[in-house]
Amino acid sequence: MLEDYINSKINEAYDYMQNDSEKALEIFDEVLEIEPEKTQAINGKGSTLMKLNRFDEADECFNHSLSISENSSALLNKGMIAKHRNDFENAMAYFDKALKVNPNLENIINILKSEIIDANDNADETVNELIEKGIKLKDENKLWDSLDILMQAIEEDPSCENQANKLIDEIKTTFEREFIYDDGDFDINSKVDRLKMQAIKALIKENNPEKALTLMDLVLELDENDINTLNHKGGVLFICSDYQKAIECFDKCLSIDENYTCALFNKALVLRVMNKLQDALNCFDELLKTPQNYNKVKPYQLEILDKLNTRAIT
């Protein structure tokens, strides 16, 4: 009698699933209070959660179902969740496992796998177009536009990261040359100045940013408020793509001297590379309050304003 009642409630929940998913969820939960390891109810609850776009919770349901017994329903649905997340490799693996458990699913699984193959083909074509556009823009010296497009390509398909990053590194090298510092004369008799000279040599002549960072940290152990070294360290961290720590160095400089132009300009460049347009613009606006900064800063300000206006229009 109990088994008949449970089965009738499961059928009722499936009837509700199409038009009243919340009601279906209530019934599945009621069944699972009586029989917590009823895989049909667990899978039904997972499917209902998928309809409600609660994919993480649905995934947990199917994991629970599979911990009780390997079943094609849970495997198929995990494949569909992976497909929804654009995790096509795992989606294919789950579909293959589901087919192995239940060969009768061959037709539906072939359709689902074909959709993934088509999606991959379209994604590859889109990414290739983005990278080609990024290269064209770089060659035209439209570096910010090129950077934005290449970052978009990586978002579309992380597997193209190595290819895109080679181009991004070339662009970053150009921006790196824009960073400003306030190096003065060094005193050869000063231990701190000797360390600074070694750090600059490691960076410029030896192309060894890791060694430069080590030497700069030694300087900062002797004087944590050495503003020149902090500014240099921020530049090296940018080279190493550690943007957040670079920002922290520039902020430390500005906490020591709020009018330290070098750090404010360098911070603005890093923020722009991070695509934090409004934050970068705020820095450039502040720099333009000092007339001698106009020629260097104004093009960056105008580029960001144009980008923000374009976003607002679209």
Foldseek 3Di string as FASTA:
>chain_A
DVVVVLVVLLVVLVVCLVPPLVVSLVSLVVSCVVPVQPLSSLLSNLVSCVVVVVNVVSLVSLVSNVVSPDALSSLQVVLVSCVVVVVNVSSLVSLVSSCVRPVVCVVVSVVVNVVNVVVVVVLVVVLVVLQVVLVVCVVVVVLLVSLVSLVVSCVSPVVCVVVSVVVVLVSLVVVLVLQDADDDDADPPDPLSVLQVVLVCCCPVVVHLVVSLVSLVVSCVVPVQPLRSLLVNLSSCVNVVVLVVSLVSLVSSCVVPVPPLNSLQSNLSSCVSVVVLVVSLVSLVVVVVDVVCCVSRVVVNVVSVVVVVVVVVD
